[in-house]
Each structure stands twice: as C-alpha cells, then as structure tokens.
C-alpha atoms as a PDB file:
ATOM      1  CA  MET A   1     -68.888 150.087  58.628  1.00  0.00           C
ATOM      2  CA  VAL A   2     -68.577 150.687  54.883  1.00  0.00           C
ATOM      3  CA  THR A   3     -65.618 149.279  52.951  1.00  0.00           C
ATOM      4  CA  LEU A   4     -64.704 150.029  49.312  1.00  0.00           C
ATOM      5  CA  LEU A   5     -62.305 147.571  47.680  1.00  0.00           C
ATOM      6  CA  PRO A   6     -60.822 147.451  44.190  1.00  0.00           C
ATOM      7  CA  ILE A   7     -61.348 143.988  42.690  1.00  0.00           C
ATOM      8  CA  GLU A   8     -59.500 142.552  39.708  1.00  0.00           C
ATOM      9  CA  VAL A   9     -61.678 140.628  37.250  1.00  0.00           C
ATOM     10  CA  GLU A  10     -59.706 139.244  34.313  1.00  0.00           C
ATOM     11  CA  GLY A  11     -57.394 142.253  34.144  1.00  0.00           C
ATOM     12  CA  HIS A  12     -60.099 144.857  34.788  1.00  0.00           C
ATOM     13  CA  THR A  13     -60.494 146.755  38.030  1.00  0.00           C
ATOM     14  CA  VAL A  14     -64.026 147.093  39.380  1.00  0.00           C
ATOM     15  CA  MET A  15     -65.179 148.239  42.803  1.00  0.00           C
ATOM     16  CA  GLY A  16     -66.590 146.162  45.622  1.00  0.00           C
ATOM     17  CA  VAL A  17     -68.673 147.587  48.460  1.00  0.00           C
ATOM     18  CA  GLU A  18     -69.360 145.941  51.806  1.00  0.00           C
ATOM     19  CA  VAL A  19     -71.807 147.573  54.211  1.00  0.00           C
ATOM     20  CA  LYS A  20     -71.794 145.856  57.586  1.00  0.00           C
ATOM     21  CA  LEU A  21     -75.156 146.256  59.306  1.00  0.00           C
ATOM     22  CA  PRO A  22     -76.603 144.536  62.374  1.00  0.00           C
ATOM     23  CA  LYS A  23     -77.147 140.867  61.499  1.00  0.00           C
ATOM     24  CA  THR A  24     -76.372 141.321  57.790  1.00  0.00           C
ATOM     25  CA  THR A  25     -73.801 142.577  55.309  1.00  0.00           C
ATOM     26  CA  LEU A  26     -74.816 144.250  52.053  1.00  0.00           C
ATOM     27  CA  LEU A  27     -72.521 143.373  49.149  1.00  0.00           C
ATOM     28  CA  ALA A  28     -72.211 144.985  45.721  1.00  0.00           C
ATOM     29  CA  ILE A  29     -69.704 144.995  42.882  1.00  0.00           C
ATOM     30  CA  TYR A  30     -70.032 147.709  40.287  1.00  0.00           C
ATOM     31  CA  THR A  31     -68.685 149.022  37.008  1.00  0.00           C
ATOM     32  CA  THR A  32     -69.420 152.332  35.308  1.00  0.00           C
ATOM     33  CA  ARG A  33     -72.422 150.665  33.579  1.00  0.00           C
ATOM     34  CA  GLY A  34     -74.045 148.458  36.187  1.00  0.00           C
ATOM     35  CA  TYR A  35     -73.733 146.281  39.241  1.00  0.00           C
ATOM     36  CA  ILE A  36     -74.392 142.961  40.917  1.00  0.00           C
ATOM     37  CA  MET A  37     -75.607 142.786  44.473  1.00  0.00           C
ATOM     38  CA  CYS A  38     -76.587 140.428  47.250  1.00  0.00           C
ATOM     39  CA  GLY A  39     -80.165 139.318  47.936  1.00  0.00           C
ATOM     40  CA  ALA A  40     -81.132 142.748  49.295  1.00  0.00           C
ATOM     41  CA  LEU A  41     -81.480 144.036  45.725  1.00  0.00           C
ATOM     42  CA  ASP A  42     -85.119 144.396  44.632  1.00  0.00           C
ATOM     43  CA  VAL A  43     -84.976 143.579  40.903  1.00  0.00           C
ATOM     44  CA  GLY A  44     -88.762 143.853  40.639  1.00  0.00           C
ATOM     45  CA  LEU A  45     -88.647 147.448  41.865  1.00  0.00           C
ATOM     46  CA  LEU A  46     -85.909 148.303  39.363  1.00  0.00           C
ATOM     47  CA  ASN A  47     -87.893 146.723  36.514  1.00  0.00           C
ATOM     48  CA  GLN A  48     -91.255 148.218  37.431  1.00  0.00           C
ATOM     49  CA  LYS A  49     -91.052 151.493  39.335  1.00  0.00           C
ATOM     50  CA  LEU A  50     -87.609 152.570  38.098  1.00  0.00           C
ATOM     51  CA  SER A  51     -87.717 151.171  34.558  1.00  0.00           C
ATOM     52  CA  ASP A  52     -87.121 154.624  33.062  1.00  0.00           C
ATOM     53  CA  ARG A  53     -83.612 154.559  34.584  1.00  0.00           C
ATOM     54  CA  GLN A  54     -82.651 151.466  32.534  1.00  0.00           C
ATOM     55  CA  ILE A  55     -80.549 150.038  35.366  1.00  0.00           C
ATOM     56  CA  ILE A  56     -78.216 147.160  34.488  1.00  0.00           C
ATOM     57  CA  ALA A  57     -78.142 144.960  37.599  1.00  0.00           C
ATOM     58  CA  GLY A  58     -78.206 141.398  38.854  1.00  0.00           C
ATOM     59  CA  ARG A  59     -79.011 139.747  42.172  1.00  0.00           C
ATOM     60  CA  ALA A  60     -77.313 136.751  43.794  1.00  0.00           C
ATOM     61  CA  VAL A  61     -78.698 135.179  46.953  1.00  0.00           C
ATOM     62  CA  GLY A  62     -76.930 133.384  49.777  1.00  0.00           C
ATOM     63  CA  VAL A  63     -73.624 135.209  49.343  1.00  0.00           C
ATOM     64  CA  ARG A  64     -71.511 136.269  52.311  1.00  0.00           C
ATOM     65  CA  THR A  65     -68.403 137.763  50.671  1.00  0.00           C
ATOM     66  CA  LEU A  66     -67.505 139.714  47.557  1.00  0.00           C
ATOM     67  CA  GLU A  67     -65.761 136.611  46.201  1.00  0.00           C
ATOM     68  CA  ASP A  68     -68.989 134.649  46.758  1.00  0.00           C
ATOM     69  CA  LEU A  69     -70.834 137.350  44.808  1.00  0.00           C
ATOM     70  CA  LEU A  70     -68.455 136.947  41.860  1.00  0.00           C
ATOM     71  CA  GLU A  71     -68.799 133.162  41.815  1.00  0.00           C
ATOM     72  CA  ALA A  72     -72.503 132.752  42.589  1.00  0.00           C
ATOM     73  CA  PRO A  73     -75.111 132.347  39.869  1.00  0.00           C
ATOM     74  CA  LEU A  74     -77.402 135.336  39.490  1.00  0.00           C
ATOM     75  CA  GLU A  75     -80.886 134.567  40.740  1.00  0.00           C
ATOM     76  CA  SER A  76     -82.494 137.458  38.835  1.00  0.00           C
ATOM     77  CA  VAL A  77     -81.491 140.328  36.559  1.00  0.00           C
ATOM     78  CA  THR A  78     -83.114 143.502  35.311  1.00  0.00           C
ATOM     79  CA  VAL A  79     -84.702 143.807  31.884  1.00  0.00           C
ATOM     80  CA  GLU A  80     -81.906 146.183  30.896  1.00  0.00           C
ATOM     81  CA  ALA A  81     -79.267 143.635  31.985  1.00  0.00           C
ATOM     82  CA  GLU A  82     -80.884 141.052  29.721  1.00  0.00           C
ATOM     83  CA  LYS A  83     -80.426 143.474  26.810  1.00  0.00           C
ATOM     84  CA  TRP A  84     -76.674 143.326  27.570  1.00  0.00           C
ATOM     85  CA  GLY A  85     -76.689 139.522  27.427  1.00  0.00           C
ATOM     86  CA  ILE A  86     -76.789 138.996  31.194  1.00  0.00           C
ATOM     87  CA  GLN A  87     -79.065 136.125  32.219  1.00  0.00           C
ATOM     88  CA  PRO A  88     -80.202 134.483  35.457  1.00  0.00           C
ATOM     89  CA  GLY A  89     -77.909 131.558  36.207  1.00  0.00           C
ATOM     90  CA  GLN A  90     -74.769 133.336  34.944  1.00  0.00           C
ATOM     91  CA  ARG A  91     -71.961 133.756  37.439  1.00  0.00           C
ATOM     92  CA  GLY A  92     -71.557 137.244  38.852  1.00  0.00           C
ATOM     93  CA  ARG A  93     -68.065 137.398  37.357  1.00  0.00           C
ATOM     94  CA  ASP A  94     -69.417 136.816  33.854  1.00  0.00           C
ATOM     95  CA  ALA A  95     -72.107 139.473  34.327  1.00  0.00           C
ATOM     96  CA  ILE A  96     -69.520 142.012  35.513  1.00  0.00           C
ATOM     97  CA  LEU A  97     -67.405 141.339  32.415  1.00  0.00           C
ATOM     98  CA  LYS A  98     -70.417 142.095  30.211  1.00  0.00           C
ATOM     99  CA  MET A  99     -70.895 145.393  32.071  1.00  0.00           C
ATOM    100  CA  LEU A 100     -67.412 146.658  31.185  1.00  0.00           C
END
C-alpha cells in the first residue's frame, strides 16, 4: 500500500510517502527541491552514476515512521545536498527546511 501524507514542518507543508512492502516500509519526505529517505536510499549511486542530475537528498537509517525520519540524524547526504548546507548528522527536519 502507498500512502501520501501532508506534513507540517515549522509552518511549511511538505509531503510524506510510505510504501508498505513485505517485511519493510519505504519512507520519504520531499519538497520541490529534494528529499530525505529511509536506509533504502543509495546515496553512492546518486553521487556517482546519477551525479549529472544534481539530486538533493539525505538518508537516515533505522527509521520506522515519517516522524522518525524527521527526527533522526542523516547518515549520509548527496554532494548536491552538501552544497545546500545539509550535512550528515543533521536531523531530517533541519535538512527539509534547507530544501524549501
């Protein structure tokens, strides 16, 4: 099942996506510029094979809900995200605010 949910982050509305799969749930929160995602995100692939797309994204591991994704520290981020001031260790919420 796929669920889209509006999420309020400090007065801004962003979108959350939950994809329930057997034995796992994919989680993502996105803005018009970029997104944060659960551990399924392959940041290395985005940085290497898809670098021409300049994707602004971050990855948090061990999250089970969209709220967890907002509060968890990012484990890794793309090169393009770093250009926007998004760093590993930042909370997902803070990264999303920089993507607005």
